[in-house]
Protein backbone atom coordinates (compact mmCIF):
# COMPACT_ATOMS: atom_id res chain seq x y z
CA UNK A 1 227.11 75.63 91.96
CA UNK A 2 226.76 79.40 91.66
CA UNK A 3 224.99 81.53 94.25
CA UNK A 4 223.07 84.63 93.16
CA UNK A 5 224.94 87.81 94.00
CA UNK A 6 221.84 89.18 95.72
CA UNK A 7 222.10 86.48 98.38
CA UNK A 8 225.74 87.34 99.05
CA UNK A 9 225.18 91.06 99.29
CA UNK A 10 224.11 91.19 102.96
CA UNK A 11 224.33 94.57 104.59
CA UNK A 12 225.78 94.99 108.05
CA UNK A 13 222.27 95.80 109.29
CA UNK A 14 220.91 92.54 107.86
CA UNK A 15 223.66 90.57 109.52
CA UNK A 16 222.96 92.32 112.82
CA UNK A 17 219.21 91.71 112.71
CA UNK A 18 219.34 88.05 111.65
CA UNK A 19 222.41 86.97 113.62
CA UNK A 20 222.16 83.44 115.12
CA UNK A 21 222.20 84.95 118.62
CA UNK A 22 220.41 87.72 120.43
CA UNK A 23 222.31 90.99 120.42
CA UNK A 24 221.80 94.10 122.49
CA UNK A 25 223.65 97.25 123.42
CA UNK A 26 223.13 98.87 126.80
CA UNK A 27 224.30 101.90 128.70
CA UNK A 28 226.66 101.30 131.61
CA UNK A 29 223.70 101.17 134.01
CA UNK A 30 222.08 98.43 131.91
CA UNK A 31 219.50 100.60 130.10
CA UNK A 32 218.80 98.97 126.74
CA UNK A 33 219.83 101.09 123.73
CA UNK A 34 219.53 98.63 120.89
CA UNK A 35 218.39 95.02 120.26
CA UNK A 36 218.25 92.83 117.17
CA UNK A 37 215.39 90.81 115.75
CA UNK A 38 216.83 87.53 117.02
CA UNK A 39 216.65 88.83 120.59
CA UNK A 40 213.00 89.76 120.05
CA UNK A 41 212.27 86.28 118.71
CA UNK A 42 214.09 84.55 121.58
CA UNK A 43 212.31 86.52 124.31
CA UNK A 44 209.00 87.47 122.71
CA UNK A 45 209.73 91.05 123.79
CA UNK A 46 209.42 93.91 121.30
CA UNK A 47 212.09 96.58 121.00
CA UNK A 48 209.62 99.40 121.46
CA UNK A 49 209.03 98.18 125.00
CA UNK A 50 212.73 97.70 125.67
CA UNK A 51 214.80 100.54 124.23
CA UNK A 52 215.17 103.38 126.70
CA UNK A 53 212.54 101.74 128.92
CA UNK A 54 214.06 98.66 130.55
CA UNK A 55 217.47 97.58 131.75
CA UNK A 56 219.12 94.28 130.83
CA UNK A 57 219.03 93.11 134.44
CA UNK A 58 215.26 93.74 134.53
CA UNK A 59 214.83 90.93 132.01
CA UNK A 60 216.49 88.34 134.25
CA UNK A 61 214.90 85.86 136.65
CA UNK A 62 214.99 86.67 140.37
CA UNK A 63 218.05 84.50 140.84
CA UNK A 64 219.59 85.99 137.72
CA UNK A 65 219.14 89.54 139.04
CA UNK A 66 220.89 88.60 142.27
CA UNK A 67 223.73 87.00 140.33
CA UNK A 68 223.96 90.07 138.07
CA UNK A 69 224.26 92.34 141.09
CA UNK A 70 226.74 90.25 143.08
CA UNK A 71 228.90 88.73 140.32
CA UNK A 72 228.11 89.71 136.76
CA UNK A 73 228.21 93.50 137.02
CA UNK A 74 231.27 93.62 139.35
CA UNK A 75 233.22 91.27 137.06
CA UNK A 76 232.27 93.35 134.03
CA UNK A 77 233.52 96.52 135.73
CA UNK A 78 236.79 94.93 136.84
CA UNK A 79 237.62 92.86 133.75
CA UNK A 80 235.83 94.74 130.99
CA UNK A 81 234.17 91.53 129.80
CA UNK A 82 232.44 88.35 130.95
CA UNK A 83 232.21 85.13 128.95
CA UNK A 84 229.72 82.25 128.77
CA UNK A 85 227.70 83.10 131.84
CA UNK A 86 224.74 80.73 132.29
CA UNK A 87 221.71 82.75 133.32
CA UNK A 88 217.92 82.75 132.88
CA UNK A 89 216.02 85.53 131.12
CA UNK A 90 212.24 85.82 131.43
CA UNK A 91 210.27 85.69 128.18
CA UNK A 92 207.23 87.84 127.50
CA UNK A 93 204.96 84.95 128.52
CA UNK A 94 206.75 84.56 131.85
CA UNK A 95 208.63 81.36 130.97
CA UNK A 96 212.37 81.12 131.59
CA UNK A 97 214.86 81.27 128.74
CA UNK A 98 218.10 79.45 129.68
CA UNK A 99 220.86 81.46 128.04
CA UNK A 100 224.61 81.79 127.72
CA UNK A 101 225.56 85.46 127.85
CA UNK A 102 228.74 87.29 126.82
CA UNK A 103 229.28 90.98 127.50
CA UNK A 104 232.07 93.42 126.68
CA UNK A 105 232.50 97.06 127.65
CA UNK A 106 233.05 99.43 124.71
CA UNK A 107 235.19 102.57 125.13
CA UNK A 108 235.28 105.90 123.28
CA UNK A 109 238.34 107.41 121.62
CA UNK A 110 239.41 108.89 124.94
CA UNK A 111 239.38 105.45 126.57
CA UNK A 112 236.28 106.10 128.65
CA UNK A 113 233.71 103.26 129.02
CA UNK A 114 230.50 104.21 127.18
CA UNK A 115 228.38 101.13 126.50
CA UNK A 116 228.08 97.38 126.95
CA UNK A 117 227.55 95.01 124.06
CA UNK A 118 225.96 91.68 124.90
CA UNK A 119 225.26 88.50 122.97
CA UNK A 120 222.61 86.03 124.15
CA UNK A 121 222.64 82.39 123.01
CA UNK A 122 219.65 80.11 123.56
CA UNK A 123 220.85 77.36 125.94
CA UNK A 124 217.55 75.48 126.19
CA UNK A 125 218.97 72.33 124.61
CA UNK A 126 222.09 72.54 126.77
CA UNK A 127 219.99 73.00 129.91
CA UNK A 128 217.82 70.02 128.96
CA UNK A 129 220.95 67.93 128.42
CA UNK A 130 222.39 68.99 131.79
CA UNK A 131 219.12 68.14 133.51
CA UNK A 132 219.10 64.72 131.88
CA UNK A 133 222.64 64.16 133.13
CA UNK A 134 221.62 65.19 136.64
CA UNK A 135 218.63 62.85 136.54
CA UNK A 136 220.79 60.03 135.27
CA UNK A 137 223.36 60.69 137.97
CA UNK A 138 220.55 60.67 140.58
CA UNK A 139 219.31 57.03 139.28
CA UNK A 140 222.77 55.91 139.54
CA UNK A 141 223.03 57.40 143.11
CA UNK A 142 219.82 55.74 144.23
CA UNK A 143 220.91 52.40 142.82
CA UNK A 144 224.30 52.75 144.49
CA UNK A 145 222.82 53.63 147.86
CA UNK A 146 220.28 50.81 147.65
CA UNK A 147 223.06 48.41 146.74
CA UNK A 148 225.10 49.57 149.68
CA UNK A 149 222.19 49.19 152.08
CA UNK A 150 221.72 45.66 150.80
CA UNK A 151 225.40 44.83 151.17
CA UNK A 152 225.76 46.28 154.64
CA UNK A 153 224.57 44.02 157.42
CA UNK A 154 220.90 44.61 158.13
CA UNK A 155 219.41 44.21 161.60
CA UNK A 156 222.28 43.50 163.98
CA UNK A 157 222.38 40.20 165.81
CA UNK A 158 221.77 40.41 169.53
CA UNK A 159 221.38 37.90 172.30
CA UNK A 160 221.40 37.48 176.03
CA UNK A 161 224.36 39.30 177.53
CA UNK A 162 225.11 41.21 174.30
CA UNK A 163 224.12 44.62 172.89
CA UNK A 164 225.13 45.96 169.51
CA UNK A 165 224.87 49.39 167.87
CA UNK A 166 226.05 50.77 164.53
CA UNK A 167 226.27 54.15 162.81
CA UNK A 168 227.17 54.86 159.20
CA UNK A 169 227.63 58.38 157.81
CA UNK A 170 228.59 58.87 154.13
CA UNK A 171 231.07 61.68 153.46
CA UNK A 172 228.65 63.31 151.00
CA UNK A 173 225.11 62.89 152.23
CA UNK A 174 222.86 61.40 149.57
CA UNK A 175 225.51 61.43 146.87
CA UNK A 176 228.06 58.68 146.44
CA UNK A 177 228.27 55.38 148.22
CA UNK A 178 231.65 54.59 149.66
CA UNK A 179 233.57 51.48 150.60
CA UNK A 180 233.09 51.42 154.38
CA UNK A 181 231.20 48.38 155.70
CA UNK A 182 230.38 46.45 158.85
CA UNK A 183 229.07 43.03 159.78
CA UNK A 184 228.01 41.04 162.84
CA UNK A 185 227.10 37.35 162.80
CA UNK A 186 226.87 34.45 165.24
CA UNK A 187 229.58 31.81 165.00
CA UNK A 188 227.79 29.82 167.70
CA UNK A 189 224.31 31.20 168.49
CA UNK A 190 224.31 32.83 171.90
CA UNK A 191 227.95 31.86 172.52
CA UNK A 192 230.40 33.39 170.03
CA UNK A 193 229.88 36.28 167.63
CA UNK A 194 232.03 37.66 164.82
CA UNK A 195 232.32 41.42 164.33
CA UNK A 196 233.93 43.13 161.34
CA UNK A 197 234.49 46.64 160.04
CA UNK A 198 236.28 47.30 156.77
CA UNK A 199 237.25 50.02 154.33
CA UNK A 200 237.56 49.43 150.59
CA UNK A 201 239.64 51.77 148.43
CA UNK A 202 237.51 53.98 146.17
CA UNK A 203 233.91 55.07 145.93
CA UNK A 204 230.82 54.41 143.87
CA UNK A 205 229.31 51.20 142.57
CA UNK A 206 232.69 49.53 142.13
CA UNK A 207 233.59 50.06 145.78
CA UNK A 208 230.15 48.89 146.89
CA UNK A 209 230.47 45.69 144.83
CA UNK A 210 233.95 45.03 146.23
CA UNK A 211 232.65 45.65 149.73
CA UNK A 212 229.97 43.01 149.21
CA UNK A 213 232.46 40.45 147.92
CA UNK A 214 234.82 40.93 150.87
CA UNK A 215 231.99 40.82 153.39
CA UNK A 216 230.63 37.58 151.92
CA UNK A 217 234.11 36.03 151.76
CA UNK A 218 234.85 36.99 155.37
CA UNK A 219 231.62 35.36 156.56
CA UNK A 220 232.36 32.21 154.60
CA UNK A 221 235.91 32.00 155.96
CA UNK A 222 234.72 32.61 159.52
CA UNK A 223 232.30 29.68 159.23
CA UNK A 224 235.22 27.32 158.53
CA UNK A 225 236.76 27.97 161.94
CA UNK A 226 239.64 30.28 160.99
CA UNK A 227 241.00 32.25 163.93
CA UNK A 228 241.18 36.05 163.39
CA UNK A 229 244.78 36.30 162.17
CA UNK A 230 244.49 33.32 159.84
CA UNK A 231 241.09 34.51 158.66
CA UNK A 232 242.48 37.87 157.53
CA UNK A 233 245.35 36.18 155.69
CA UNK A 234 242.86 33.87 153.96
CA UNK A 235 240.82 36.96 153.04
CA UNK A 236 244.01 38.57 151.71
CA UNK A 237 244.64 35.46 149.60
CA UNK A 238 241.07 35.73 148.28
CA UNK A 239 241.75 39.38 147.39
CA UNK A 240 244.98 38.46 145.61
CA UNK A 241 243.57 35.46 143.73
CA UNK A 242 240.46 37.26 142.51
CA UNK A 243 242.01 40.73 142.21
CA UNK A 244 239.34 42.30 144.36
CA UNK A 245 239.76 44.63 147.34
CA UNK A 246 243.50 45.19 147.04
CA UNK A 247 244.79 47.37 149.90
CA UNK A 248 241.44 47.21 151.67
CA UNK A 249 241.67 47.35 155.47
CA UNK A 250 239.70 45.15 157.87
CA UNK A 251 239.33 44.77 161.62
CA UNK A 252 237.84 41.44 162.75
CA UNK A 253 236.97 40.40 166.29
CA UNK A 254 235.65 37.12 167.64
CA UNK A 255 233.84 37.55 170.96
CA UNK A 256 233.06 34.78 173.44
CA UNK A 257 230.02 36.22 175.18
CA UNK A 258 230.02 33.78 178.09
CA UNK A 259 233.74 34.07 178.87
CA UNK A 260 233.88 37.79 177.98
CA UNK A 261 237.00 37.20 175.90
CA UNK A 262 237.90 38.77 172.57
CA UNK A 263 240.37 37.65 169.93
CA UNK A 264 240.99 40.14 167.17
CA UNK A 265 243.21 41.08 164.24
CA UNK A 266 243.59 44.23 162.14
CA UNK A 267 244.76 44.24 158.53
CA UNK A 268 245.98 47.82 158.07
CA UNK A 269 242.98 49.03 160.07
CA UNK A 270 242.80 51.39 163.08
CA UNK A 271 242.96 49.57 166.44
CA UNK A 272 239.76 48.64 168.31
CA UNK A 273 238.85 50.86 171.25
CA UNK A 274 237.84 49.40 174.60
CA UNK A 275 236.00 51.08 177.44
CA UNK A 276 235.57 49.36 180.81
CA UNK A 277 233.68 51.05 183.68
CA UNK A 278 236.04 52.60 186.17
CA UNK A 279 239.01 52.63 183.76
CA UNK A 280 240.10 55.10 181.05
CA UNK A 281 239.27 54.04 177.53
CA UNK A 282 242.19 52.40 175.68
CA UNK A 283 243.22 51.13 172.27
CA UNK A 284 243.95 47.46 171.54
CA UNK A 285 247.23 47.72 169.61
CA UNK A 286 248.10 44.02 169.20
CA UNK A 287 247.27 41.89 166.18
CA UNK A 288 248.34 44.39 163.55
CA UNK A 289 249.41 43.56 159.99
CA UNK A 290 249.40 45.00 156.46
CA UNK A 291 246.24 45.67 154.38
CA UNK A 292 244.78 42.94 152.18
CA UNK A 293 246.93 41.76 149.27
CA UNK A 294 249.87 43.88 150.39
CA UNK A 295 252.31 40.97 149.95
CA UNK A 296 252.64 38.19 147.41
CA UNK A 297 253.08 35.10 149.61
CA UNK A 298 251.17 33.68 152.57
CA UNK A 299 252.11 35.35 155.85
CA UNK A 300 251.12 34.48 159.37
CA UNK A 301 249.16 37.49 160.57
CA UNK A 302 249.30 38.14 164.32
CA UNK A 303 246.23 38.50 166.51
CA UNK A 304 245.52 40.00 169.90
CA UNK A 305 243.37 38.93 172.83
CA UNK A 306 241.71 40.79 175.68
CA UNK A 307 239.50 39.84 178.61
CA UNK A 308 236.59 42.20 179.20
CA UNK A 309 234.84 43.00 182.45
CA UNK A 310 231.09 43.24 182.81
CA UNK A 311 229.50 46.18 180.92
CA UNK A 312 232.63 46.62 178.82
CA UNK A 313 232.32 48.33 175.45
CA UNK A 314 234.24 47.28 172.33
CA UNK A 315 234.28 49.74 169.39
CA UNK A 316 235.37 48.99 165.82
CA UNK A 317 235.46 51.90 163.37
CA UNK A 318 236.84 53.11 160.04
CA UNK A 319 239.58 55.70 159.68
CA UNK A 320 237.06 58.40 158.74
CA UNK A 321 236.29 58.63 162.46
CA UNK A 322 239.80 59.71 163.42
CA UNK A 323 241.63 61.07 160.37
CA UNK A 324 241.73 64.76 159.39
CA UNK A 325 243.97 66.57 156.95
CA UNK A 326 244.66 69.36 159.43
CA UNK A 327 245.82 67.36 162.44
CA UNK A 328 248.01 64.38 163.42
CA UNK A 329 246.38 60.96 163.55
CA UNK A 330 247.24 60.68 167.24
CA UNK A 331 245.02 63.68 167.92
CA UNK A 332 242.10 61.81 166.39
CA UNK A 333 242.81 58.69 168.42
CA UNK A 334 243.08 60.72 171.63
CA UNK A 335 239.81 62.42 170.81
CA UNK A 336 238.09 59.06 170.31
CA UNK A 337 239.22 57.83 173.72
CA UNK A 338 238.14 61.07 175.39
CA UNK A 339 234.75 60.82 173.73
CA UNK A 340 234.31 57.23 174.94
CA UNK A 341 235.15 58.27 178.50
CA UNK A 342 232.41 60.88 178.24
CA UNK A 343 229.82 58.37 177.03
CA UNK A 344 230.00 56.10 180.05
CA UNK A 345 226.69 54.31 180.61
CA UNK A 346 225.27 55.01 177.14
CA UNK A 347 223.83 52.16 175.09
CA UNK A 348 225.97 50.93 172.14
CA UNK A 349 223.54 52.41 169.59
CA UNK A 350 223.80 55.80 171.29
CA UNK A 351 227.60 55.53 171.56
CA UNK A 352 228.01 54.69 167.86
CA UNK A 353 225.63 57.47 166.81
CA UNK A 354 227.24 60.06 169.05
CA UNK A 355 230.75 59.29 167.81
CA UNK A 356 229.71 59.34 164.16
CA UNK A 357 227.60 62.50 164.48
CA UNK A 358 230.45 64.40 166.12
CA UNK A 359 232.64 63.63 163.13
CA UNK A 360 229.85 64.24 160.60
CA UNK A 361 229.52 67.79 161.91
CA UNK A 362 233.13 68.57 160.99
CA UNK A 363 233.42 70.91 158.02
CA UNK A 364 236.62 69.31 156.69
CA UNK A 365 235.43 65.70 156.77
CA UNK A 366 236.30 63.94 153.50
CA UNK A 367 235.73 60.26 154.29
CA UNK A 368 232.85 58.00 155.23
CA UNK A 369 232.45 57.03 158.87
CA UNK A 370 231.37 53.63 160.15
CA UNK A 371 231.19 52.72 163.86
CA UNK A 372 230.24 49.35 165.35
CA UNK A 373 229.87 49.19 169.13
CA UNK A 374 229.33 46.11 171.30
CA UNK A 375 228.63 45.87 175.03
CA UNK A 376 228.71 42.75 177.20
CA UNK A 377 225.94 43.00 179.76
């Protein structure tokens, strides 16, 4: 198929005027020296009101002008060019024009900078696509958070002689759900209660679903009469058989409210903390074993036992409470004990909230924090 020669004989001026992007030349201070027809069509602004009258930065949104002053112009001076900068121009009717902008400094024969040439691409469709992605990511986030709230234990069980408090702080507020979880349930109403805190590897919906499976399995196993060590090994076998929650960590405690005795076991999890009035806070180091599904055959997991005095406080927590990238783990554990000593007399809800909030305020926190506190009254 032949094309008429007249259609192929485009002049440089025609190509400039009808280019698929806006094109303008400015002085070094931004004063507009030349624009093409495409730029006029994109913005609704006419060249007579632009050339020699307005600067490029004057056409930007308020945020765009700030960005031009603090980033765009300095980078252009230092590098001689800037590429694919997302910025909003303001059309003649006052509406924003999302744009991708490229600028390059042009020099004269003596090497001196003389002008800036800029191309402007309409990014409306790209902006709309990005907004749709953000909205989709926010449905996903809301679903994930709602799922996590449903999987986490709701109102904590309480009874005569027992107070419970919990605090949960996600690493990124309002963004992703993590794998930290807690639970509290009566094994014998008013007599024995089971407490659990766990940490599943990963984040997002997958971690939340795994968290729910482990929590449900732990409750079911506890109802069969498993003691803490055997319960965690049975939970590990569940993890191995169903390939769910591998390398998750769990701390489980069974509390006899009347006798004030606690039996507990930790599968790869930080040790419970105990505070008794008149004594320094301490860690319960017994009953330690590997995370779930860390071995391929049944193993007898050890458990620990402690007797608590009246008004004692037992605290289970996830490693987000004590771990930091810039300090040894022991420093975090020591800090937890010091904090508990300073919270003497506070209710479990206040203790859990205070511990979690202190960590949440840290600028380098990268993990979720879950704290479950119990006091025998």
